[in-house]
N, C-alpha and C. Protein backbone atom coordinates (compact mmCIF):
# COMPACT_ATOMS: atom_id res chain seq x y z
N UNK A 1 -18.48 6.35 -2.39
CA UNK A 1 -17.55 8.59 -3.40
C UNK A 1 -16.17 6.95 -3.79
N UNK A 2 -15.99 7.58 -5.22
CA UNK A 2 -14.54 7.74 -5.66
C UNK A 2 -13.17 7.76 -5.04
N UNK A 3 -12.34 7.19 -5.23
CA UNK A 3 -11.34 7.61 -4.45
C UNK A 3 -10.06 8.22 -4.78
N UNK A 4 -9.82 9.72 -4.86
CA UNK A 4 -9.43 10.13 -5.45
C UNK A 4 -7.86 10.47 -4.93
N UNK A 5 -6.91 10.00 -6.35
CA UNK A 5 -5.51 10.34 -6.47
C UNK A 5 -4.75 11.55 -4.60
N UNK A 6 -3.68 11.28 -4.10
CA UNK A 6 -3.58 12.01 -3.02
C UNK A 6 -2.22 12.53 -3.22
N UNK A 7 -1.92 14.26 -3.81
CA UNK A 7 -0.69 14.80 -3.93
C UNK A 7 -0.58 15.17 -2.71
N UNK A 8 0.94 15.29 -2.51
CA UNK A 8 1.87 16.02 -1.65
C UNK A 8 2.88 16.50 -2.11
N UNK A 9 3.21 17.68 -1.36
CA UNK A 9 4.10 18.86 -2.03
C UNK A 9 5.71 18.03 -2.22
N UNK A 10 6.25 18.15 -3.11
CA UNK A 10 7.65 17.16 -3.37
C UNK A 10 8.82 17.63 -2.48
N UNK A 11 8.55 18.73 -1.87
CA UNK A 11 9.72 17.86 -0.63
C UNK A 11 9.29 17.22 0.29
N UNK A 12 8.17 17.02 0.90
CA UNK A 12 8.13 16.40 2.35
C UNK A 12 7.34 14.46 1.22
N UNK A 13 7.16 14.40 -0.25
CA UNK A 13 6.88 13.33 -0.80
C UNK A 13 8.72 12.62 -0.75
N UNK A 14 9.65 13.93 -1.21
CA UNK A 14 10.71 13.03 -1.01
C UNK A 14 11.47 12.46 1.13
N UNK A 15 10.95 13.58 1.83
CA UNK A 15 11.05 13.40 2.61
C UNK A 15 10.96 11.78 3.11
N UNK A 16 9.67 11.51 2.53
CA UNK A 16 8.87 10.81 3.98
C UNK A 16 9.41 9.43 3.05
N UNK A 17 9.64 9.44 1.21
CA UNK A 17 9.95 8.08 0.76
C UNK A 17 11.40 7.99 0.89
N UNK A 18 12.38 8.86 1.55
CA UNK A 18 13.70 8.47 1.51
C UNK A 18 14.27 9.14 -0.06
N UNK A 19 13.63 9.79 -1.04
CA UNK A 19 13.91 9.80 -2.28
C UNK A 19 14.68 10.76 -2.17
N UNK A 20 15.39 11.60 -3.34
CA UNK A 20 16.59 12.63 -3.46
C UNK A 20 15.08 13.90 -4.03
N UNK A 21 15.11 14.94 -3.74
CA UNK A 21 14.63 15.84 -5.01
C UNK A 21 14.78 16.09 -5.71
N UNK A 22 16.13 16.28 -6.09
CA UNK A 22 16.25 16.21 -7.62
C UNK A 22 15.66 15.52 -9.01
N UNK A 23 16.17 13.78 -7.61
CA UNK A 23 15.10 12.30 -8.80
C UNK A 23 13.88 12.99 -9.11
N UNK A 24 12.98 13.47 -8.10
CA UNK A 24 11.66 13.34 -8.40
C UNK A 24 11.27 14.68 -9.40
N UNK A 25 12.48 15.63 -8.99
CA UNK A 25 11.82 16.48 -10.56
C UNK A 25 12.02 15.96 -11.63
N UNK A 26 13.61 15.15 -11.67
CA UNK A 26 13.78 14.87 -12.98
C UNK A 26 12.80 13.04 -13.43
N UNK A 27 12.09 12.62 -12.87
CA UNK A 27 10.45 12.28 -12.81
C UNK A 27 9.78 12.73 -13.46
N UNK A 28 9.35 13.73 -12.71
CA UNK A 28 8.55 14.49 -13.09
C UNK A 28 8.35 15.22 -14.45
N UNK A 29 9.54 15.96 -14.79
CA UNK A 29 10.33 16.37 -15.69
C UNK A 29 10.08 15.02 -16.47
N UNK A 30 10.26 13.53 -16.81
CA UNK A 30 9.88 13.00 -17.56
C UNK A 30 8.19 12.92 -18.61
N UNK A 31 7.91 13.32 -17.22
CA UNK A 31 6.54 12.54 -17.47
C UNK A 31 6.55 10.96 -16.35
N UNK A 32 7.50 10.62 -15.65
CA UNK A 32 7.15 9.05 -14.94
C UNK A 32 6.15 9.52 -13.55
N UNK A 33 5.87 10.65 -13.12
CA UNK A 33 5.37 11.13 -11.99
C UNK A 33 4.23 12.50 -12.38
N UNK A 34 2.87 12.03 -11.72
CA UNK A 34 2.14 12.90 -11.95
C UNK A 34 2.18 14.31 -11.48
N UNK A 35 2.31 15.35 -11.61
CA UNK A 35 2.99 16.87 -10.63
C UNK A 35 1.32 17.71 -10.57
N UNK A 36 1.76 18.66 -9.86
CA UNK A 36 1.40 20.37 -10.82
C UNK A 36 1.64 21.25 -9.97
N UNK A 37 0.85 21.98 -10.16
CA UNK A 37 1.37 23.35 -8.71
C UNK A 37 -0.07 23.90 -8.26
N UNK A 38 0.21 23.94 -6.79
CA UNK A 38 -0.60 24.55 -6.03
C UNK A 38 -0.99 26.21 -6.54
N UNK A 39 -2.70 26.55 -7.14
CA UNK A 39 -2.75 27.80 -7.07
C UNK A 39 -2.04 28.87 -6.44
N UNK A 40 -1.71 30.03 -6.84
CA UNK A 40 -0.50 31.22 -6.04
C UNK A 40 0.15 30.50 -5.05
N UNK A 41 1.10 29.62 -5.48
CA UNK A 41 2.20 29.56 -5.11
C UNK A 41 3.54 28.89 -6.65
N UNK A 42 4.14 28.49 -5.56
CA UNK A 42 5.25 27.28 -7.30
C UNK A 42 5.70 26.81 -5.89
N UNK A 43 5.08 26.29 -4.81
CA UNK A 43 5.00 24.65 -4.79
C UNK A 43 4.76 23.72 -5.78
N UNK A 44 5.34 22.50 -6.30
CA UNK A 44 5.06 21.59 -6.78
C UNK A 44 4.60 20.55 -6.00
N UNK A 45 3.40 19.46 -6.85
CA UNK A 45 2.34 18.57 -5.34
C UNK A 45 2.69 17.35 -6.82
N UNK A 46 3.29 16.46 -6.16
CA UNK A 46 3.79 15.18 -6.51
C UNK A 46 2.16 13.92 -6.63
N UNK A 47 1.43 12.72 -7.55
CA UNK A 47 1.40 12.49 -6.91
C UNK A 47 1.81 10.80 -6.13
N UNK A 48 1.63 10.48 -4.68
CA UNK A 48 1.74 9.31 -3.95
C UNK A 48 1.84 9.10 -3.69
N UNK A 49 0.85 7.79 -4.81
CA UNK A 49 0.94 6.81 -5.53
C UNK A 49 2.02 6.24 -6.25
N UNK A 50 2.59 7.52 -6.97
CA UNK A 50 3.37 7.48 -8.35
C UNK A 50 4.82 7.20 -7.59
N UNK A 51 4.85 8.17 -5.99
CA UNK A 51 6.81 8.68 -5.76
C UNK A 51 5.98 7.29 -4.69
N UNK A 52 5.74 6.82 -4.07
CA UNK A 52 5.78 5.26 -3.31
C UNK A 52 6.16 3.91 -3.96
N UNK A 53 5.32 4.21 -5.45
CA UNK A 53 6.06 3.17 -6.37
C UNK A 53 6.90 3.39 -7.06
N UNK A 54 7.56 4.33 -7.06
CA UNK A 54 8.87 4.63 -7.26
C UNK A 54 10.39 4.57 -6.79
N UNK A 55 9.79 4.50 -5.43
CA UNK A 55 10.67 4.46 -4.14
C UNK A 55 10.78 3.19 -3.91
N UNK A 56 9.71 2.06 -3.82
CA UNK A 56 9.69 0.69 -3.86
C UNK A 56 10.66 0.29 -5.54
N UNK A 57 10.90 0.66 -6.53
CA UNK A 57 11.28 0.45 -7.28
C UNK A 57 13.29 0.44 -7.13
N UNK A 58 13.03 2.10 -6.41
CA UNK A 58 14.65 2.60 -6.36
C UNK A 58 15.45 1.57 -5.58
N UNK A 59 14.59 1.68 -4.30
CA UNK A 59 15.39 1.20 -2.97
C UNK A 59 14.99 -0.27 -2.96
N UNK A 60 14.15 -0.85 -3.85
CA UNK A 60 13.49 -2.07 -2.90
C UNK A 60 13.38 -2.61 -1.52
N UNK A 61 11.94 -1.05 -1.34
CA UNK A 61 11.37 -1.01 -0.40
C UNK A 61 10.47 -2.55 -0.10
N UNK A 62 10.44 -3.42 1.18
CA UNK A 62 9.19 -4.00 1.37
C UNK A 62 8.52 -3.59 2.23
N UNK A 63 7.61 -4.41 2.18
CA UNK A 63 5.96 -4.06 2.42
C UNK A 63 6.12 -3.35 3.78
N UNK A 64 6.86 -3.92 4.93
CA UNK A 64 6.71 -3.41 5.95
C UNK A 64 8.03 -2.25 5.93
N UNK A 65 8.19 -1.23 5.31
CA UNK A 65 8.26 -1.20 5.08
C UNK A 65 8.10 0.87 4.58
N UNK A 66 7.39 0.62 3.85
CA UNK A 66 6.12 1.41 3.78
C UNK A 66 4.96 2.14 4.79
N UNK A 67 4.96 3.70 4.63
CA UNK A 67 3.99 4.05 5.68
C UNK A 67 2.65 3.39 6.25
N UNK A 68 1.55 2.63 4.90
CA UNK A 68 0.74 2.41 5.41
C UNK A 68 1.01 0.98 6.16
N UNK A 69 1.76 0.13 5.60
CA UNK A 69 2.19 -0.23 6.95
C UNK A 69 2.52 -0.81 8.50
N UNK A 70 3.56 1.01 8.18
CA UNK A 70 3.67 1.45 9.04
C UNK A 70 2.88 1.77 10.19
N UNK A 71 1.62 2.11 10.11
CA UNK A 71 0.22 2.07 10.65
C UNK A 71 -0.32 1.55 11.94
N UNK A 72 0.49 0.09 11.39
CA UNK A 72 -0.44 -0.80 11.69
C UNK A 72 0.97 -2.01 12.41
N UNK A 73 2.30 -1.37 12.77
CA UNK A 73 3.41 -1.72 13.39
C UNK A 73 2.74 -2.57 14.86
N UNK A 74 2.14 -1.65 15.81
CA UNK A 74 1.64 -2.27 17.21
C UNK A 74 0.96 -3.48 17.00
N UNK A 75 0.48 -3.92 16.02
CA UNK A 75 -0.04 -4.74 15.79
C UNK A 75 1.09 -6.01 15.76
N UNK A 76 1.65 -6.20 14.88
CA UNK A 76 2.92 -6.66 14.62
C UNK A 76 3.49 -7.88 15.16
N UNK A 77 3.24 -9.42 14.79
CA UNK A 77 3.05 -10.15 16.02
C UNK A 77 1.88 -11.10 16.66
N UNK A 78 0.90 -10.12 16.67
CA UNK A 78 0.00 -10.26 17.28
C UNK A 78 -1.52 -11.56 17.04
N UNK A 79 -1.29 -12.38 17.21
CA UNK A 79 -2.31 -13.42 16.07
C UNK A 79 -4.07 -13.19 16.39
N UNK A 80 -4.10 -13.49 15.02
CA UNK A 80 -5.87 -12.83 14.67
C UNK A 80 -6.80 -14.27 13.99
N UNK A 81 -6.79 -14.88 14.55
CA UNK A 81 -8.31 -16.19 13.57
C UNK A 81 -8.87 -15.58 12.19
N UNK A 82 -9.04 -16.36 11.25
CA UNK A 82 -9.48 -16.08 10.39
C UNK A 82 -10.61 -15.53 10.19
N UNK A 83 -11.30 -15.66 10.85
CA UNK A 83 -13.11 -15.79 11.20
C UNK A 83 -12.97 -14.02 11.42
N UNK A 84 -12.36 -13.92 12.82
CA UNK A 84 -12.44 -12.64 13.87
C UNK A 84 -11.86 -12.02 12.97
N UNK A 85 -10.71 -12.06 12.68
CA UNK A 85 -10.06 -10.78 11.35
C UNK A 85 -11.59 -10.93 10.35
N UNK A 86 -11.85 -11.37 9.66
CA UNK A 86 -12.95 -11.20 8.34
C UNK A 86 -14.07 -10.33 9.44
N UNK A 87 -14.69 -10.29 10.69
CA UNK A 87 -15.51 -9.65 11.49
C UNK A 87 -14.53 -7.95 11.61
N UNK A 88 -13.32 -8.03 12.13
CA UNK A 88 -12.98 -6.97 12.08
C UNK A 88 -13.02 -6.19 11.59
N UNK A 89 -12.33 -6.60 10.00
CA UNK A 89 -11.73 -5.82 9.29
C UNK A 89 -12.06 -5.93 7.71
N UNK A 90 -13.78 -6.93 7.91
CA UNK A 90 -14.67 -7.04 6.57
C UNK A 90 -14.17 -6.63 5.61
N UNK A 91 -13.44 -7.95 5.41
CA UNK A 91 -13.03 -8.76 4.46
C UNK A 91 -12.63 -10.43 4.38
N UNK A 92 -13.14 -10.86 3.49
CA UNK A 92 -13.92 -12.12 3.67
C UNK A 92 -13.24 -13.06 3.69
N UNK A 93 -13.58 -14.00 4.63
CA UNK A 93 -12.40 -15.37 5.07
C UNK A 93 -11.09 -15.81 3.80
N UNK A 94 -12.69 -16.10 2.86
CA UNK A 94 -11.68 -16.68 1.39
C UNK A 94 -10.63 -15.56 0.87
N UNK A 95 -10.52 -14.44 1.19
CA UNK A 95 -9.73 -13.77 0.29
C UNK A 95 -9.07 -13.79 1.74
N UNK A 96 -8.54 -13.80 2.66
CA UNK A 96 -7.97 -13.50 4.04
C UNK A 96 -7.03 -14.48 4.05
N UNK A 97 -7.68 -15.93 3.47
CA UNK A 97 -6.72 -17.05 3.82
C UNK A 97 -6.03 -17.46 2.22
N UNK A 98 -6.34 -16.87 0.81
CA UNK A 98 -5.53 -17.06 -0.19
C UNK A 98 -4.94 -15.76 -0.18
N UNK A 99 -4.45 -14.75 0.44
CA UNK A 99 -3.74 -14.40 1.35
C UNK A 99 -2.43 -14.30 2.15
N UNK A 100 -2.96 -15.36 2.78
CA UNK A 100 -2.34 -15.72 3.99
C UNK A 100 -0.82 -17.22 2.92
N UNK A 101 -2.65 -17.83 1.91
CA UNK A 101 -1.23 -19.13 0.88
C UNK A 101 -0.82 -18.18 0.24
N UNK A 102 -0.48 -16.78 -0.22
CA UNK A 102 -0.09 -16.83 -1.49
C UNK A 102 1.49 -15.76 -0.60
N UNK A 103 1.22 -15.93 0.66
CA UNK A 103 2.25 -15.00 1.35
C UNK A 103 2.44 -13.78 1.90
N UNK A 104 0.83 -12.87 1.68
CA UNK A 104 0.95 -11.95 1.55
C UNK A 104 0.46 -11.47 3.40
N UNK A 105 0.28 -11.91 3.81
CA UNK A 105 -0.08 -12.05 5.31
C UNK A 105 0.27 -13.73 6.12
N UNK A 106 1.50 -13.55 7.15
CA UNK A 106 1.88 -13.64 7.37
C UNK A 106 0.78 -15.89 8.47
N UNK A 107 1.76 -16.41 8.37
CA UNK A 107 1.10 -17.25 9.20
C UNK A 107 1.64 -17.77 11.07
N UNK A 108 0.90 -17.30 11.85
CA UNK A 108 2.00 -17.24 13.09
C UNK A 108 2.07 -18.77 13.30
N UNK A 109 0.82 -19.43 12.96
CA UNK A 109 -0.07 -20.93 13.73
C UNK A 109 -0.89 -21.58 13.91
N UNK A 110 -1.24 -22.38 14.11
CA UNK A 110 -3.20 -23.09 14.07
C UNK A 110 -3.10 -23.41 15.98
N UNK A 111 -4.63 -23.28 15.87
CA UNK A 111 -5.00 -23.80 17.32
C UNK A 111 -5.84 -23.86 17.23
N UNK A 112 -6.15 -25.54 17.09
CA UNK A 112 -7.31 -26.57 17.10
C UNK A 112 -6.89 -26.62 15.43
N UNK A 113 -8.59 -26.37 15.10
CA UNK A 113 -8.62 -25.72 13.16
C UNK A 113 -8.13 -24.68 12.21
N UNK A 114 -8.11 -23.40 14.03
CA UNK A 114 -8.08 -21.97 13.72
C UNK A 114 -7.18 -21.60 12.83
N UNK A 115 -7.20 -20.78 12.02
CA UNK A 115 -5.55 -20.68 11.46
C UNK A 115 -4.97 -18.95 12.14
N UNK A 116 -4.09 -19.28 12.80
CA UNK A 116 -3.88 -17.34 13.29
C UNK A 116 -2.98 -17.30 12.23
N UNK A 117 -3.02 -15.83 12.05
CA UNK A 117 -2.63 -15.27 11.26
C UNK A 117 -2.44 -13.58 11.85
N UNK A 118 -1.03 -13.29 11.19
CA UNK A 118 -0.17 -12.11 12.11
C UNK A 118 -1.45 -10.35 11.81
N UNK A 119 -1.97 -9.40 12.80
CA UNK A 119 -2.44 -8.91 12.21
C UNK A 119 -2.47 -7.91 11.38
N UNK A 120 -1.10 -7.85 11.51
CA UNK A 120 -0.23 -6.17 10.93
C UNK A 120 -1.06 -6.75 10.18
N UNK A 121 -0.32 -7.54 9.33
CA UNK A 121 -0.64 -7.96 7.81
C UNK A 121 -1.72 -8.46 7.60
N UNK A 122 -2.89 -8.25 8.33
CA UNK A 122 -4.20 -8.31 8.03
C UNK A 122 -4.58 -6.72 7.96
N UNK A 123 -4.54 -5.59 8.73
CA UNK A 123 -4.79 -4.65 8.99
C UNK A 123 -3.73 -4.01 7.76
N UNK A 124 -3.90 -3.88 7.41
CA UNK A 124 -2.39 -3.54 6.12
C UNK A 124 -2.99 -4.17 4.74
N UNK A 125 -3.50 -5.47 4.16
CA UNK A 125 -3.76 -5.62 3.25
C UNK A 125 -5.43 -5.29 3.20
N UNK A 126 -6.22 -5.33 4.42
CA UNK A 126 -7.66 -4.57 4.54
C UNK A 126 -6.74 -3.64 3.83
N UNK A 127 -6.30 -2.58 4.03
CA UNK A 127 -6.37 -1.09 3.93
C UNK A 127 -5.84 -0.72 2.30
N UNK A 128 -5.24 -1.87 1.58
CA UNK A 128 -5.09 -1.78 0.44
C UNK A 128 -6.70 -2.53 -0.48
N UNK A 129 -6.98 -3.94 0.32
CA UNK A 129 -8.49 -4.11 -0.39
C UNK A 129 -9.37 -2.67 -0.31
N UNK A 130 -9.70 -2.45 0.20
CA UNK A 130 -10.13 -0.80 0.78
C UNK A 130 -10.55 -0.18 0.06
N UNK A 131 -9.05 0.20 -1.00
CA UNK A 131 -8.60 1.44 -1.41
C UNK A 131 -9.19 0.95 -2.69
N UNK A 132 -8.94 -0.30 -3.19
CA UNK A 132 -9.22 -0.69 -4.58
C UNK A 132 -11.03 -1.05 -5.00
N UNK A 133 -12.06 -0.70 -4.05
CA UNK A 133 -13.32 -0.59 -4.70
C UNK A 133 -13.98 -1.60 -5.33
N UNK A 134 -13.19 -2.55 -6.17
CA UNK A 134 -13.67 -3.45 -6.20
C UNK A 134 -13.68 -5.09 -6.05
N UNK A 135 -14.15 -5.82 -6.57
CA UNK A 135 -13.34 -6.77 -6.47
C UNK A 135 -13.10 -7.42 -8.03
N UNK A 136 -12.08 -8.43 -7.67
CA UNK A 136 -11.22 -9.40 -8.90
C UNK A 136 -10.14 -8.51 -9.18
N UNK A 137 -9.59 -7.48 -8.93
CA UNK A 137 -8.75 -7.00 -9.05
C UNK A 137 -7.20 -7.96 -8.37
N UNK A 138 -6.70 -7.03 -9.52
CA UNK A 138 -4.63 -7.20 -8.65
C UNK A 138 -4.06 -6.80 -7.60
N UNK A 139 -4.02 -6.55 -6.41
CA UNK A 139 -4.19 -6.15 -5.42
C UNK A 139 -2.09 -5.72 -5.05
N UNK A 140 -2.00 -7.16 -5.12
CA UNK A 140 -0.08 -6.85 -4.37
C UNK A 140 0.62 -7.64 -5.54
N UNK A 141 2.02 -7.08 -5.83
CA UNK A 141 2.99 -7.32 -6.37
C UNK A 141 3.05 -8.73 -6.04
N UNK A 142 4.20 -9.88 -5.67
CA UNK A 142 4.83 -11.10 -4.91
C UNK A 142 6.05 -10.72 -3.56
N UNK A 143 5.93 -9.41 -3.26
CA UNK A 143 6.44 -8.85 -2.14
C UNK A 143 5.49 -8.72 -1.69
N UNK A 144 4.31 -8.32 -1.94
CA UNK A 144 3.19 -7.54 -0.23
C UNK A 144 3.14 -6.02 -0.47
N UNK A 145 4.20 -5.67 -1.73
CA UNK A 145 4.30 -4.30 -1.72
C UNK A 145 2.65 -3.70 -2.58
N UNK A 146 1.34 -2.53 -2.73
CA UNK A 146 0.53 -2.72 -3.55
C UNK A 146 0.69 -3.17 -5.33
N UNK A 147 -0.18 -3.24 -6.05
CA UNK A 147 0.31 -3.43 -7.35
C UNK A 147 0.44 -1.92 -7.67
N UNK A 148 0.78 -1.55 -9.09
CA UNK A 148 0.46 -0.80 -9.06
C UNK A 148 0.74 -0.57 -11.00
N UNK A 149 -0.63 -0.98 -11.66
CA UNK A 149 -0.64 -0.48 -13.00
C UNK A 149 0.46 -0.19 -14.05
N UNK A 150 1.82 -0.67 -14.71
CA UNK A 150 2.46 0.18 -15.73
C UNK A 150 1.80 1.34 -16.71
N UNK A 151 0.47 1.03 -16.61
CA UNK A 151 0.10 1.88 -17.65
C UNK A 151 -1.03 2.93 -17.03
N UNK A 152 -1.90 2.46 -16.90
CA UNK A 152 -3.07 3.65 -16.21
C UNK A 152 -3.50 3.62 -15.15
N UNK A 153 -3.62 4.86 -14.12
CA UNK A 153 -3.68 4.32 -12.88
C UNK A 153 -4.91 3.45 -12.95
N UNK A 154 -5.20 2.64 -11.79
CA UNK A 154 -6.75 2.22 -11.81
C UNK A 154 -7.84 3.00 -12.21
N UNK A 155 -8.98 2.88 -12.28
CA UNK A 155 -10.07 3.34 -12.36
C UNK A 155 -10.37 2.74 -11.49
N UNK A 156 -11.71 3.76 -10.75
CA UNK A 156 -12.75 3.64 -9.77
C UNK A 156 -13.35 3.93 -10.18
């Protein structure tokens, strides 16, 4: 099934990403963030992906600050080797290795021939990977935050 965009109430999006509601309303009026109104109410709904992207740009958020990463925070620092991560998270070992080389996943160390990765980073990256839906897409910015195209959202 195609992944549909998630819309949040403007007030909730502002609280979740630490942005000012007035600033979000201004971005909606300028057309930088997609929005709509819930039928039967005056509540404004905004695109969560676009609010997240705006928060990353404005506040300089790191991937560790994002809610997607925070849901895996308890795994931070826990080592997992590449082949085990491949089985657990269903992401090809070659992809995990590439992400580790690019710095999206922290390498904790080595045990014999096994490369040990930070499991929180693996879980976060696998979530982003699974949302993309297709192979061969740019998924991350150089700082490890999810990539968001400048023009159109990813077509799924």
